[in-house]
Structures are given as structure tokens and as C-alpha cells.
Amino acid sequence: MPAQSKAQQRAAGAALSAKRGETKVGDLQGASKDMYDSMSEAELEDYASTDHDDLPEKVDGDD
């Protein structure tokens, strides 16, 4: 499932980076921390790789 907003895509990218050990989990906050805890690396990669050119900045429910 692709990301529905730019904010969601960025949060997934941050969570994916932590999941891969590239950044510290302790640096995550908000939606990225929730995504790290609840999604697999493959799911995060799907969200993070979404083309964000046509996405809104935020949608209702984004953190």
C-alpha cells in the first residue's frame, strides 16, 4: 500500500532507516516511531518508496 501523504512517506523513510540500523531508534518520534513498532521492513519500504510528487502534504489522521 503506498503512502497517502508526503508526511506519511517521510515518516516511513525515517522508520525504515532505523529498522535497517542506519539511524537510532531513539531518534524516532511520533508517526515514525509507531510505524517502526508496527510495520515490517517490506511494508516500510513500500510506503517510503511512494512517488511523492502528487501527494498532499498531510491527510486527516497523519501525525
Protein backbone atom coordinates (compact mmCIF):
# COMPACT_ATOMS: atom_id res chain seq x y z
CA MET A 1 0.00 0.00 0.00
CA PRO A 2 1.57 3.31 -0.99
CA ALA A 3 1.80 6.32 1.29
CA GLN A 4 -1.15 8.71 1.13
CA SER A 5 0.74 11.89 2.01
CA LYS A 6 4.23 13.36 1.96
CA ALA A 7 4.31 13.33 5.76
CA GLN A 8 3.48 9.63 5.82
CA GLN A 9 6.15 8.91 3.19
CA ARG A 10 8.80 10.79 5.21
CA ALA A 11 7.81 9.04 8.44
CA ALA A 12 8.10 5.67 6.72
CA GLY A 13 11.55 6.61 5.43
CA ALA A 14 12.73 7.50 8.92
CA ALA A 15 11.30 4.28 10.37
CA LEU A 16 12.88 2.24 7.56
CA SER A 17 16.26 3.82 8.23
CA ALA A 18 16.02 2.84 11.89
CA LYS A 19 14.80 -0.67 11.01
CA ARG A 20 17.91 -1.11 8.86
CA GLY A 21 20.17 0.17 11.64
CA GLU A 22 21.17 3.30 9.73
CA THR A 23 19.77 5.65 12.39
CA LYS A 24 19.00 5.26 16.08
CA VAL A 25 15.56 4.03 17.10
CA GLY A 26 15.69 6.53 19.97
CA ASP A 27 15.75 9.37 17.43
CA LEU A 28 12.30 8.40 16.13
CA GLN A 29 9.21 10.20 17.35
CA GLY A 30 5.51 10.36 16.54
CA ALA A 31 4.31 8.50 13.47
CA SER A 32 7.76 7.20 12.53
CA LYS A 33 8.12 5.51 15.93
CA ASP A 34 4.65 3.97 15.61
CA MET A 35 5.47 2.74 12.11
CA TYR A 36 8.78 1.27 13.30
CA ASP A 37 6.96 -0.69 16.02
CA SER A 38 4.05 -1.93 13.91
CA MET A 39 5.32 -2.48 10.36
CA SER A 40 7.75 -4.84 8.67
CA GLU A 41 10.76 -3.63 6.70
CA ALA A 42 8.99 -4.60 3.46
CA GLU A 43 5.89 -2.58 4.38
CA LEU A 44 8.01 0.43 5.31
CA GLU A 45 9.92 0.15 2.05
CA ASP A 46 6.63 0.18 0.12
CA TYR A 47 5.48 3.34 1.90
CA ALA A 48 8.86 5.08 1.72
CA SER A 49 9.30 4.40 -2.00
CA THR A 50 5.99 6.05 -2.95
CA ASP A 51 6.43 8.79 -5.56
CA HIS A 52 5.51 11.87 -3.56
CA ASP A 53 5.15 14.41 -6.40
CA ASP A 54 1.35 14.21 -6.48
CA LEU A 55 0.76 13.59 -2.78
CA PRO A 56 -0.75 16.17 -0.42
CA GLU A 57 1.45 17.33 2.47
CA LYS A 58 -0.91 15.74 5.02
CA VAL A 59 -4.21 13.89 5.13
CA ASP A 60 -6.61 13.58 8.04
CA GLY A 61 -5.18 11.14 10.58
CA ASP A 62 -1.49 11.78 9.80
CA ASP A 63 0.68 12.65 12.76
